[in-house]
C-alpha atoms as a PDB file:
ATOM      1  CA  MET A   1     -45.490 -35.655  45.930  1.00  0.00           C
ATOM      2  CA  THR A   2     -44.716 -33.147  48.784  1.00  0.00           C
ATOM      3  CA  VAL A   3     -44.078 -29.776  49.342  1.00  0.00           C
ATOM      4  CA  GLN A   4     -40.892 -29.995  50.570  1.00  0.00           C
ATOM      5  CA  GLN A   5     -40.264 -31.791  47.511  1.00  0.00           C
ATOM      6  CA  LEU A   6     -41.258 -28.834  45.612  1.00  0.00           C
ATOM      7  CA  LYS A   7     -38.968 -26.715  47.618  1.00  0.00           C
ATOM      8  CA  TYR A   8     -36.106 -28.866  47.165  1.00  0.00           C
ATOM      9  CA  ILE A   9     -36.670 -28.403  43.408  1.00  0.00           C
ATOM     10  CA  ILE A  10     -36.725 -24.657  43.017  1.00  0.00           C
ATOM     11  CA  LYS A  11     -33.885 -24.534  45.286  1.00  0.00           C
ATOM     12  CA  ILE A  12     -31.990 -26.765  42.598  1.00  0.00           C
ATOM     13  CA  VAL A  13     -32.830 -24.333  40.066  1.00  0.00           C
ATOM     14  CA  GLU A  14     -32.066 -21.369  42.076  1.00  0.00           C
ATOM     15  CA  CYS A  15     -28.273 -23.073  42.572  1.00  0.00           C
ATOM     16  CA  ASN A  16     -27.990 -24.438  39.314  1.00  0.00           C
ATOM     17  CA  SER A  17     -26.529 -27.371  41.269  1.00  0.00           C
ATOM     18  CA  ILE A  18     -27.651 -30.493  43.579  1.00  0.00           C
ATOM     19  CA  THR A  19     -24.459 -30.364  45.287  1.00  0.00           C
ATOM     20  CA  GLU A  20     -24.945 -26.638  46.386  1.00  0.00           C
ATOM     21  CA  ALA A  21     -28.416 -26.953  46.978  1.00  0.00           C
ATOM     22  CA  ALA A  22     -27.710 -30.034  49.268  1.00  0.00           C
ATOM     23  CA  LYS A  23     -25.626 -27.402  51.202  1.00  0.00           C
ATOM     24  CA  GLN A  24     -28.167 -24.692  51.289  1.00  0.00           C
ATOM     25  CA  LEU A  25     -30.397 -27.029  52.754  1.00  0.00           C
ATOM     26  CA  PHE A  26     -28.394 -28.508  54.910  1.00  0.00           C
ATOM     27  CA  ILE A  27     -29.530 -32.045  53.707  1.00  0.00           C
ATOM     28  CA  SER A  28     -26.984 -34.853  51.865  1.00  0.00           C
ATOM     29  CA  GLN A  29     -26.529 -34.976  48.410  1.00  0.00           C
ATOM     30  CA  PRO A  30     -27.915 -38.556  48.055  1.00  0.00           C
ATOM     31  CA  SER A  31     -31.000 -37.473  49.840  1.00  0.00           C
ATOM     32  CA  LEU A  32     -31.546 -34.349  47.727  1.00  0.00           C
ATOM     33  CA  SER A  33     -31.220 -36.713  44.489  1.00  0.00           C
ATOM     34  CA  ALA A  34     -33.619 -39.387  45.893  1.00  0.00           C
ATOM     35  CA  ALA A  35     -36.046 -36.830  46.421  1.00  0.00           C
ATOM     36  CA  LEU A  36     -35.460 -35.484  43.103  1.00  0.00           C
ATOM     37  CA  LYS A  37     -35.736 -39.086  41.548  1.00  0.00           C
ATOM     38  CA  GLU A  38     -39.303 -39.931  43.214  1.00  0.00           C
ATOM     39  CA  VAL A  39     -40.970 -36.546  42.010  1.00  0.00           C
ATOM     40  CA  GLU A  40     -39.511 -37.444  38.509  1.00  0.00           C
ATOM     41  CA  THR A  41     -40.977 -41.207  38.708  1.00  0.00           C
ATOM     42  CA  GLU A  42     -44.064 -39.984  40.149  1.00  0.00           C
ATOM     43  CA  PHE A  43     -44.957 -37.588  37.454  1.00  0.00           C
ATOM     44  CA  GLY A  44     -43.158 -39.651  34.799  1.00  0.00           C
ATOM     45  CA  ILE A  45     -40.977 -36.650  33.281  1.00  0.00           C
ATOM     46  CA  GLU A  46     -37.265 -35.846  33.516  1.00  0.00           C
ATOM     47  CA  ILE A  47     -37.099 -32.180  35.294  1.00  0.00           C
ATOM     48  CA  PHE A  48     -33.415 -31.996  34.582  1.00  0.00           C
ATOM     49  CA  HIS A  49     -31.077 -32.607  31.854  1.00  0.00           C
ATOM     50  CA  ARG A  50     -27.910 -34.503  33.433  1.00  0.00           C
ATOM     51  CA  THR A  51     -24.710 -33.803  31.687  1.00  0.00           C
ATOM     52  CA  SER A  52     -20.978 -33.947  32.083  1.00  0.00           C
ATOM     53  CA  LYS A  53     -21.210 -30.068  32.354  1.00  0.00           C
ATOM     54  CA  GLY A  54     -23.989 -29.947  34.964  1.00  0.00           C
ATOM     55  CA  ILE A  55     -27.612 -29.888  34.995  1.00  0.00           C
ATOM     56  CA  ALA A  56     -30.360 -27.991  32.900  1.00  0.00           C
ATOM     57  CA  LEU A  57     -34.217 -27.979  33.351  1.00  0.00           C
ATOM     58  CA  SER A  58     -35.924 -29.976  30.485  1.00  0.00           C
ATOM     59  CA  ALA A  59     -38.848 -28.675  28.761  1.00  0.00           C
ATOM     60  CA  ASP A  60     -41.145 -30.771  31.037  1.00  0.00           C
ATOM     61  CA  GLY A  61     -39.057 -29.124  34.150  1.00  0.00           C
ATOM     62  CA  ARG A  62     -39.723 -25.545  33.374  1.00  0.00           C
ATOM     63  CA  GLU A  63     -43.465 -26.096  32.971  1.00  0.00           C
ATOM     64  CA  PHE A  64     -43.532 -28.388  35.970  1.00  0.00           C
ATOM     65  CA  LEU A  65     -41.695 -25.100  37.588  1.00  0.00           C
ATOM     66  CA  SER A  66     -43.981 -22.693  36.970  1.00  0.00           C
ATOM     67  CA  TYR A  67     -46.259 -25.298  38.657  1.00  0.00           C
ATOM     68  CA  ALA A  68     -44.372 -25.734  41.274  1.00  0.00           C
ATOM     69  CA  ARG A  69     -43.818 -22.194  42.602  1.00  0.00           C
ATOM     70  CA  GLN A  70     -47.603 -21.518  42.179  1.00  0.00           C
ATOM     71  CA  ILE A  71     -48.309 -24.132  44.973  1.00  0.00           C
ATOM     72  CA  ILE A  72     -45.071 -22.758  47.350  1.00  0.00           C
ATOM     73  CA  GLU A  73     -46.344 -19.284  46.945  1.00  0.00           C
ATOM     74  CA  GLN A  74     -50.132 -20.445  47.761  1.00  0.00           C
ATOM     75  CA  THR A  75     -49.028 -22.466  50.681  1.00  0.00           C
ATOM     76  CA  GLN A  76     -47.129 -19.474  51.937  1.00  0.00           C
ATOM     77  CA  LEU A  77     -50.180 -17.775  51.694  1.00  0.00           C
ATOM     78  CA  LEU A  78     -52.314 -20.437  53.851  1.00  0.00           C
ATOM     79  CA  GLU A  79     -49.245 -20.404  56.706  1.00  0.00           C
ATOM     80  CA  GLN A  80     -49.459 -16.487  57.093  1.00  0.00           C
ATOM     81  CA  ARG A  81     -53.268 -17.070  57.198  1.00  0.00           C
ATOM     82  CA  TYR A  82     -53.846 -19.679  59.550  1.00  0.00           C
ATOM     83  CA  LYS A  83     -50.682 -20.191  60.885  1.00  0.00           C
ATOM     84  CA  ASN A  84     -50.076 -16.432  61.557  1.00  0.00           C
ATOM     85  CA  LYS A  85     -46.807 -17.276  60.177  1.00  0.00           C
ATOM     86  CA  LYS A  86     -44.605 -13.630  59.336  1.00  0.00           C
ATOM     87  CA  PRO A  87     -44.557 -13.101  55.267  1.00  0.00           C
ATOM     88  CA  SER A  88     -41.696 -15.003  53.220  1.00  0.00           C
ATOM     89  CA  LYS A  89     -39.046 -12.752  52.160  1.00  0.00           C
ATOM     90  CA  GLN A  90     -39.378 -10.721  49.250  1.00  0.00           C
ATOM     91  CA  LEU A  91     -37.833 -11.986  46.529  1.00  0.00           C
ATOM     92  CA  CYS A  92     -36.382 -10.667  42.884  1.00  0.00           C
ATOM     93  CA  SER A  93     -33.752 -11.818  40.404  1.00  0.00           C
ATOM     94  CA  VAL A  94     -33.052  -9.630  37.133  1.00  0.00           C
ATOM     95  CA  SER A  95     -30.291 -10.472  34.377  1.00  0.00           C
ATOM     96  CA  THR A  96     -29.353  -7.701  32.427  1.00  0.00           C
ATOM     97  CA  GLN A  97     -26.664  -6.405  30.153  1.00  0.00           C
ATOM     98  CA  HIS A  98     -24.134  -3.862  31.580  1.00  0.00           C
ATOM     99  CA  TYR A  99     -27.279  -0.540  31.977  1.00  0.00           C
ATOM    100  CA  SER A 100     -26.350   2.033  34.780  1.00  0.00           C
ATOM    101  CA  PHE A 101     -30.564   2.464  34.811  1.00  0.00           C
ATOM    102  CA  ALA A 102     -31.114  -0.852  35.289  1.00  0.00           C
ATOM    103  CA  VAL A 103     -28.999  -0.598  38.508  1.00  0.00           C
ATOM    104  CA  THR A 104     -30.477   2.837  39.817  1.00  0.00           C
ATOM    105  CA  ALA A 105     -33.767   1.141  38.916  1.00  0.00           C
ATOM    106  CA  PHE A 106     -32.805  -1.640  41.517  1.00  0.00           C
ATOM    107  CA  VAL A 107     -31.643   0.564  43.848  1.00  0.00           C
ATOM    108  CA  ASN A 108     -34.570   2.564  44.303  1.00  0.00           C
ATOM    109  CA  LEU A 109     -37.170  -0.599  43.919  1.00  0.00           C
ATOM    110  CA  ILE A 110     -35.210  -1.568  47.482  1.00  0.00           C
ATOM    111  CA  ALA A 111     -34.881   1.967  48.757  1.00  0.00           C
ATOM    112  CA  SER A 112     -38.861   2.301  48.469  1.00  0.00           C
ATOM    113  CA  LEU A 113     -39.663  -0.896  50.422  1.00  0.00           C
ATOM    114  CA  ASP A 114     -40.722  -1.205  53.932  1.00  0.00           C
ATOM    115  CA  VAL A 115     -40.058  -5.032  54.765  1.00  0.00           C
ATOM    116  CA  ASP A 116     -38.106  -6.601  56.856  1.00  0.00           C
ATOM    117  CA  GLU A 117     -36.036  -9.402  54.864  1.00  0.00           C
ATOM    118  CA  TYR A 118     -35.496  -9.555  51.265  1.00  0.00           C
ATOM    119  CA  GLU A 119     -33.329 -11.672  48.874  1.00  0.00           C
ATOM    120  CA  PHE A 120     -32.702  -9.930  45.735  1.00  0.00           C
ATOM    121  CA  THR A 121     -30.220 -11.119  43.062  1.00  0.00           C
ATOM    122  CA  LEU A 122     -29.238  -8.832  40.251  1.00  0.00           C
ATOM    123  CA  ARG A 123     -27.150 -10.089  37.380  1.00  0.00           C
ATOM    124  CA  GLU A 124     -24.869  -7.855  35.208  1.00  0.00           C
ATOM    125  CA  THR A 125     -23.991 -10.513  32.581  1.00  0.00           C
ATOM    126  CA  ARG A 126     -23.543 -11.793  29.207  1.00  0.00           C
ATOM    127  CA  THR A 127     -26.596 -11.640  26.445  1.00  0.00           C
ATOM    128  CA  TYR A 128     -26.558 -15.481  25.972  1.00  0.00           C
ATOM    129  CA  GLU A 129     -26.786 -15.952  29.720  1.00  0.00           C
ATOM    130  CA  ILE A 130     -29.583 -13.497  30.402  1.00  0.00           C
ATOM    131  CA  ILE A 131     -31.247 -15.346  27.833  1.00  0.00           C
ATOM    132  CA  ASP A 132     -30.743 -18.899  29.527  1.00  0.00           C
ATOM    133  CA  ASP A 133     -31.013 -17.440  33.271  1.00  0.00           C
ATOM    134  CA  VAL A 134     -34.745 -16.351  32.412  1.00  0.00           C
ATOM    135  CA  ALA A 135     -35.514 -19.611  30.360  1.00  0.00           C
ATOM    136  CA  ASN A 136     -34.294 -21.507  33.250  1.00  0.00           C
ATOM    137  CA  PHE A 137     -36.103 -19.344  36.050  1.00  0.00           C
ATOM    138  CA  ARG A 138     -33.229 -18.065  37.760  1.00  0.00           C
ATOM    139  CA  SER A 139     -34.098 -14.590  36.828  1.00  0.00           C
ATOM    140  CA  GLU A 140     -37.739 -13.341  36.403  1.00  0.00           C
ATOM    141  CA  VAL A 141     -36.908 -10.482  33.999  1.00  0.00           C
ATOM    142  CA  GLY A 142     -33.965 -10.150  31.613  1.00  0.00           C
ATOM    143  CA  ILE A 143     -33.035  -6.717  30.188  1.00  0.00           C
ATOM    144  CA  LEU A 144     -30.953  -6.574  26.487  1.00  0.00           C
ATOM    145  CA  TYR A 145     -31.651  -4.677  23.471  1.00  0.00           C
ATOM    146  CA  ILE A 146     -32.497  -5.766  20.087  1.00  0.00           C
ATOM    147  CA  SER A 147     -31.649  -3.955  16.607  1.00  0.00           C
ATOM    148  CA  GLU A 148     -32.293  -4.026  13.113  1.00  0.00           C
ATOM    149  CA  PHE A 149     -29.080  -6.180  13.022  1.00  0.00           C
ATOM    150  CA  ASN A 150     -29.508  -8.790  15.776  1.00  0.00           C
ATOM    151  CA  GLU A 151     -33.128  -9.162  15.751  1.00  0.00           C
ATOM    152  CA  LYS A 152     -33.854 -12.260  13.623  1.00  0.00           C
ATOM    153  CA  VAL A 153     -30.923 -14.326  15.831  1.00  0.00           C
ATOM    154  CA  LEU A 154     -32.029 -12.948  19.500  1.00  0.00           C
ATOM    155  CA  LYS A 155     -35.844 -13.663  18.587  1.00  0.00           C
ATOM    156  CA  LYS A 156     -35.445 -16.908  17.287  1.00  0.00           C
ATOM    157  CA  LEU A 157     -33.394 -17.765  20.221  1.00  0.00           C
ATOM    158  CA  LEU A 158     -36.361 -16.045  22.253  1.00  0.00           C
ATOM    159  CA  LYS A 159     -38.830 -17.910  20.870  1.00  0.00           C
ATOM    160  CA  GLU A 160     -36.963 -21.533  21.014  1.00  0.00           C
ATOM    161  CA  ASN A 161     -37.009 -20.596  24.869  1.00  0.00           C
ATOM    162  CA  HIS A 162     -40.654 -19.757  25.210  1.00  0.00           C
ATOM    163  CA  LEU A 163     -39.730 -15.961  25.936  1.00  0.00           C
ATOM    164  CA  THR A 164     -41.299 -12.783  24.880  1.00  0.00           C
ATOM    165  CA  PHE A 165     -39.357  -9.306  24.236  1.00  0.00           C
ATOM    166  CA  THR A 166     -41.203  -6.516  25.691  1.00  0.00           C
ATOM    167  CA  PRO A 167     -39.823  -3.248  23.869  1.00  0.00           C
ATOM    168  CA  LEU A 168     -39.049  -0.678  26.885  1.00  0.00           C
ATOM    169  CA  PHE A 169     -37.521   2.163  24.858  1.00  0.00           C
ATOM    170  CA  GLU A 170     -35.773   3.130  21.782  1.00  0.00           C
ATOM    171  CA  ALA A 171     -32.368   5.025  21.940  1.00  0.00           C
ATOM    172  CA  ASP A 172     -29.944   6.563  19.270  1.00  0.00           C
ATOM    173  CA  PRO A 173     -26.352   4.850  20.110  1.00  0.00           C
ATOM    174  CA  HIS A 174     -24.198   7.153  21.812  1.00  0.00           C
ATOM    175  CA  ILE A 175     -20.801   6.701  22.952  1.00  0.00           C
ATOM    176  CA  PHE A 176     -19.476   6.954  27.006  1.00  0.00           C
ATOM    177  CA  ILE A 177     -15.955   8.558  27.286  1.00  0.00           C
ATOM    178  CA  SER A 178     -14.430  10.679  29.655  1.00  0.00           C
ATOM    179  CA  ALA A 179     -15.170  14.271  30.867  1.00  0.00           C
ATOM    180  CA  ALA A 180     -11.449  15.019  29.787  1.00  0.00           C
ATOM    181  CA  HIS A 181     -11.684  13.272  26.602  1.00  0.00           C
ATOM    182  CA  PRO A 182     -10.653  15.231  23.589  1.00  0.00           C
ATOM    183  CA  LEU A 183     -13.754  14.901  22.064  1.00  0.00           C
ATOM    184  CA  ALA A 184     -15.872  15.339  25.039  1.00  0.00           C
ATOM    185  CA  SER A 185     -16.911  18.845  24.206  1.00  0.00           C
ATOM    186  CA  ARG A 186     -18.622  17.414  20.721  1.00  0.00           C
ATOM    187  CA  LYS A 187     -22.073  17.164  20.443  1.00  0.00           C
ATOM    188  CA  THR A 188     -21.814  14.463  17.975  1.00  0.00           C
ATOM    189  CA  VAL A 189     -19.062  12.214  17.103  1.00  0.00           C
ATOM    190  CA  SER A 190     -18.381   9.676  14.192  1.00  0.00           C
ATOM    191  CA  LEU A 191     -16.672   6.036  13.943  1.00  0.00           C
ATOM    192  CA  GLU A 192     -13.849   8.187  11.987  1.00  0.00           C
ATOM    193  CA  ASP A 193     -13.534  10.344  14.954  1.00  0.00           C
ATOM    194  CA  LEU A 194     -13.042   7.409  17.619  1.00  0.00           C
ATOM    195  CA  ASP A 195     -10.655   5.693  14.845  1.00  0.00           C
ATOM    196  CA  ASN A 196      -7.205   6.203  17.157  1.00  0.00           C
ATOM    197  CA  TYR A 197      -8.983   5.562  20.256  1.00  0.00           C
ATOM    198  CA  PRO A 198      -9.380   2.585  21.997  1.00  0.00           C
ATOM    199  CA  PHE A 199     -12.869   0.848  21.558  1.00  0.00           C
ATOM    200  CA  LEU A 200     -13.978  -1.037  24.830  1.00  0.00           C
ATOM    201  CA  ALA A 201     -16.622  -3.778  24.710  1.00  0.00           C
ATOM    202  CA  PHE A 202     -18.063  -6.400  27.133  1.00  0.00           C
ATOM    203  CA  GLU A 203     -16.482  -9.928  26.191  1.00  0.00           C
ATOM    204  CA  GLN A 204     -19.223 -12.622  25.655  1.00  0.00           C
ATOM    205  CA  GLY A 205     -17.289 -15.847  26.456  1.00  0.00           C
ATOM    206  CA  THR A 206     -18.240 -18.957  24.647  1.00  0.00           C
ATOM    207  CA  TYR A 207     -21.317 -17.143  22.696  1.00  0.00           C
ATOM    208  CA  ASN A 208     -18.680 -14.757  21.021  1.00  0.00           C
ATOM    209  CA  SER A 209     -21.051 -13.960  18.085  1.00  0.00           C
ATOM    210  CA  PHE A 210     -21.817 -10.633  16.525  1.00  0.00           C
ATOM    211  CA  TYR A 211     -25.205 -10.917  17.210  1.00  0.00           C
ATOM    212  CA  PHE A 212     -24.678 -11.229  21.135  1.00  0.00           C
ATOM    213  CA  SER A 213     -22.565  -8.231  21.267  1.00  0.00           C
ATOM    214  CA  GLU A 214     -23.890  -5.558  23.572  1.00  0.00           C
ATOM    215  CA  GLU A 215     -22.314  -2.636  21.619  1.00  0.00           C
ATOM    216  CA  ILE A 216     -24.371  -2.065  18.703  1.00  0.00           C
ATOM    217  CA  LEU A 217     -22.420  -1.538  15.219  1.00  0.00           C
ATOM    218  CA  SER A 218     -20.313  -4.704  16.231  1.00  0.00           C
ATOM    219  CA  THR A 219     -19.117  -5.576  12.900  1.00  0.00           C
ATOM    220  CA  ALA A 220     -17.562  -2.094  12.628  1.00  0.00           C
ATOM    221  CA  LEU A 221     -13.409  -2.655  12.571  1.00  0.00           C
ATOM    222  CA  HIS A 222     -11.438  -1.091  15.158  1.00  0.00           C
ATOM    223  CA  LYS A 223      -7.444  -0.376  15.635  1.00  0.00           C
ATOM    224  CA  LYS A 224      -7.430  -0.691  19.053  1.00  0.00           C
ATOM    225  CA  THR A 225     -10.240  -3.440  20.891  1.00  0.00           C
ATOM    226  CA  ILE A 226     -10.093  -4.163  24.505  1.00  0.00           C
ATOM    227  CA  TYR A 227     -12.672  -6.656  25.960  1.00  0.00           C
ATOM    228  CA  VAL A 228     -13.585  -6.302  29.407  1.00  0.00           C
ATOM    229  CA  SER A 229     -16.350  -8.343  31.429  1.00  0.00           C
ATOM    230  CA  ASP A 230     -17.430  -5.502  34.168  1.00  0.00           C
ATOM    231  CA  ARG A 231     -18.889  -1.764  34.190  1.00  0.00           C
ATOM    232  CA  ALA A 232     -16.337  -0.426  36.994  1.00  0.00           C
ATOM    233  CA  THR A 233     -13.234  -1.855  34.686  1.00  0.00           C
ATOM    234  CA  LEU A 234     -14.868  -0.445  31.474  1.00  0.00           C
ATOM    235  CA  PHE A 235     -15.270   3.133  33.228  1.00  0.00           C
ATOM    236  CA  ASN A 236     -11.771   2.894  34.464  1.00  0.00           C
ATOM    237  CA  LEU A 237     -10.203   2.236  31.180  1.00  0.00           C
ATOM    238  CA  LEU A 238     -12.275   4.968  29.545  1.00  0.00           C
ATOM    239  CA  ILE A 239     -10.642   7.300  32.061  1.00  0.00           C
ATOM    240  CA  GLY A 240      -7.425   6.022  32.001  1.00  0.00           C
ATOM    241  CA  LEU A 241      -6.979   5.537  28.271  1.00  0.00           C
ATOM    242  CA  ASN A 242      -9.388   7.790  26.745  1.00  0.00           C
ATOM    243  CA  GLY A 243     -10.918   4.942  25.340  1.00  0.00           C
ATOM    244  CA  TYR A 244     -14.999   4.821  24.331  1.00  0.00           C
ATOM    245  CA  THR A 245     -17.938   2.222  24.245  1.00  0.00           C
ATOM    246  CA  ILE A 246     -20.652   2.292  22.391  1.00  0.00           C
ATOM    247  CA  CYS A 247     -24.105   2.499  24.438  1.00  0.00           C
ATOM    248  CA  THR A 248     -27.743   3.672  25.088  1.00  0.00           C
ATOM    249  CA  GLY A 249     -26.486   7.192  26.302  1.00  0.00           C
ATOM    250  CA  VAL A 250     -28.717   6.652  29.427  1.00  0.00           C
ATOM    251  CA  LEU A 251     -26.186   7.284  32.259  1.00  0.00           C
ATOM    252  CA  ASN A 252     -26.518   7.916  36.052  1.00  0.00           C
ATOM    253  CA  SER A 253     -24.313  10.616  37.560  1.00  0.00           C
ATOM    254  CA  ASP A 254     -25.191   9.628  41.185  1.00  0.00           C
ATOM    255  CA  LEU A 255     -24.125   6.155  40.577  1.00  0.00           C
ATOM    256  CA  ASN A 256     -20.940   6.745  38.115  1.00  0.00           C
ATOM    257  CA  GLY A 257     -20.377  10.437  39.067  1.00  0.00           C
ATOM    258  CA  ASP A 258     -19.517  13.299  36.485  1.00  0.00           C
ATOM    259  CA  ASN A 259     -16.293  11.494  35.128  1.00  0.00           C
ATOM    260  CA  ILE A 260     -18.241   9.906  32.576  1.00  0.00           C
ATOM    261  CA  ILE A 261     -20.491  11.449  29.836  1.00  0.00           C
ATOM    262  CA  SER A 262     -22.382  10.543  27.013  1.00  0.00           C
ATOM    263  CA  VAL A 263     -21.845  11.867  23.461  1.00  0.00           C
ATOM    264  CA  ARG A 264     -24.269  11.067  20.492  1.00  0.00           C
ATOM    265  CA  LEU A 265     -22.750   8.677  17.467  1.00  0.00           C
ATOM    266  CA  GLN A 266     -23.679   9.645  13.891  1.00  0.00           C
ATOM    267  CA  THR A 267     -25.430   6.715  12.930  1.00  0.00           C
ATOM    268  CA  LEU A 268     -29.007   5.661  11.779  1.00  0.00           C
ATOM    269  CA  GLU A 269     -29.188   2.653  13.575  1.00  0.00           C
ATOM    270  CA  LYS A 270     -31.566   2.443  16.744  1.00  0.00           C
ATOM    271  CA  MET A 271     -31.233   0.585  20.039  1.00  0.00           C
ATOM    272  CA  LYS A 272     -34.813  -0.888  20.949  1.00  0.00           C
ATOM    273  CA  ILE A 273     -34.079  -1.930  24.811  1.00  0.00           C
ATOM    274  CA  GLY A 274     -36.844  -4.610  26.210  1.00  0.00           C
ATOM    275  CA  LEU A 275     -37.451  -6.763  28.758  1.00  0.00           C
ATOM    276  CA  ILE A 276     -37.662 -10.790  28.226  1.00  0.00           C
ATOM    277  CA  PHE A 277     -40.167 -12.507  30.121  1.00  0.00           C
ATOM    278  CA  ASN A 278     -40.617 -16.509  30.389  1.00  0.00           C
ATOM    279  CA  LYS A 279     -44.249 -17.136  29.293  1.00  0.00           C
ATOM    280  CA  LYS A 280     -44.541 -20.102  31.427  1.00  0.00           C
ATOM    281  CA  THR A 281     -44.996 -17.972  34.502  1.00  0.00           C
ATOM    282  CA  PRO A 282     -46.568 -15.039  35.964  1.00  0.00           C
ATOM    283  CA  LEU A 283     -44.338 -12.174  37.192  1.00  0.00           C
ATOM    284  CA  SER A 284     -43.935 -11.836  41.018  1.00  0.00           C
ATOM    285  CA  LYS A 285     -45.286  -8.579  43.093  1.00  0.00           C
ATOM    286  CA  MET A 286     -41.462  -7.514  42.989  1.00  0.00           C
ATOM    287  CA  ALA A 287     -40.677  -8.005  39.597  1.00  0.00           C
ATOM    288  CA  LEU A 288     -43.860  -5.748  38.318  1.00  0.00           C
ATOM    289  CA  HIS A 289     -42.440  -3.098  41.036  1.00  0.00           C
ATOM    290  CA  TYR A 290     -39.166  -3.286  39.883  1.00  0.00           C
ATOM    291  CA  ILE A 291     -40.461  -2.827  35.940  1.00  0.00           C
ATOM    292  CA  LYS A 292     -42.575   0.428  37.524  1.00  0.00           C
ATOM    293  CA  GLU A 293     -39.130   1.502  38.618  1.00  0.00           C
ATOM    294  CA  LEU A 294     -37.566   1.314  35.356  1.00  0.00           C
ATOM    295  CA  LYS A 295     -40.295   2.539  33.571  1.00  0.00           C
ATOM    296  CA  LYS A 296     -40.294   5.802  36.126  1.00  0.00           C
ATOM    297  CA  LEU A 297     -36.507   6.489  35.878  1.00  0.00           C
ATOM    298  CA  ILE A 298     -36.617   6.109  31.942  1.00  0.00           C
ATOM    299  CA  THR A 299     -39.373   8.687  31.409  1.00  0.00           C
ATOM    300  CA  TYR A 300     -37.465  10.830  33.827  1.00  0.00           C
ATOM    301  CA  ASP A 301     -34.202  10.582  31.310  1.00  0.00           C
ATOM    302  CA  GLY A 302     -36.640  11.867  28.780  1.00  0.00           C
ATOM    303  CA  TYR A 303     -37.518   8.748  26.891  1.00  0.00           C
ATOM    304  CA  THR A 304     -40.660   7.454  25.714  1.00  0.00           C
ATOM    305  CA  ILE A 305     -41.707   4.208  26.997  1.00  0.00           C
ATOM    306  CA  LEU A 306     -42.957   1.971  23.852  1.00  0.00           C
ATOM    307  CA  GLN A 307     -46.433   0.588  24.387  1.00  0.00           C
END
């Protein structure tokens, strides 16, 4: 095993593809596959499962990757100390449900840095894919909510993938609507009040289960429903169609302007928004910095950080 081979394996995980990793590494795919095979043979494990749909880390592969990353980090520190190499790029990758506060914290993180180089990734994506990203080390941190309704299903899935859920804050469900919406002057609204307006929700793809819905009260019936895949489209439809979506109520006007407002939804349900981590690897300095920015932002918005 060589340090270069470990770097190859880490790149394959980042790209989720041997072909794409080979392109980014400027080597041939057969050479990369051979290097991977040498490591697997040396340690007597299968690092990746190969399927018709691509590759995925095996259970042994997840554990191997956590050790590989530690070795690479220590190697970089040695090179900086004794070879006068400049510090490597600051890295951080986060997968989250469509929360504006997650984006704002990301902005604040980057704005606070005094570094020459960085390479960050922020994925606003589907619930199942957030879990899969953290389980397969494509992201260090995941952000999603748990409620009384979905708790058993999500926590079972997290446990199976060796992930932990750490509560961040608890929110009363709100709706996001246009500032010009007929209900915009109300302090609270009920689902019955919203019956004639389009309900907007984030589509969940293959894993389109009520338990994976980003919107609490996912089993409630709606006369009009529109599924979208990104937050910008959802906000445009909120304004253009007097639609609504169900959310945490945390809204940042610096990023989203004043055209969207939040109104408390009349329900006894609660949303517990939290962070998911992989048990098998420690968080990087940048990931910890991001979490600090998240907590600072949430506290500023009047929420109590859960211990």
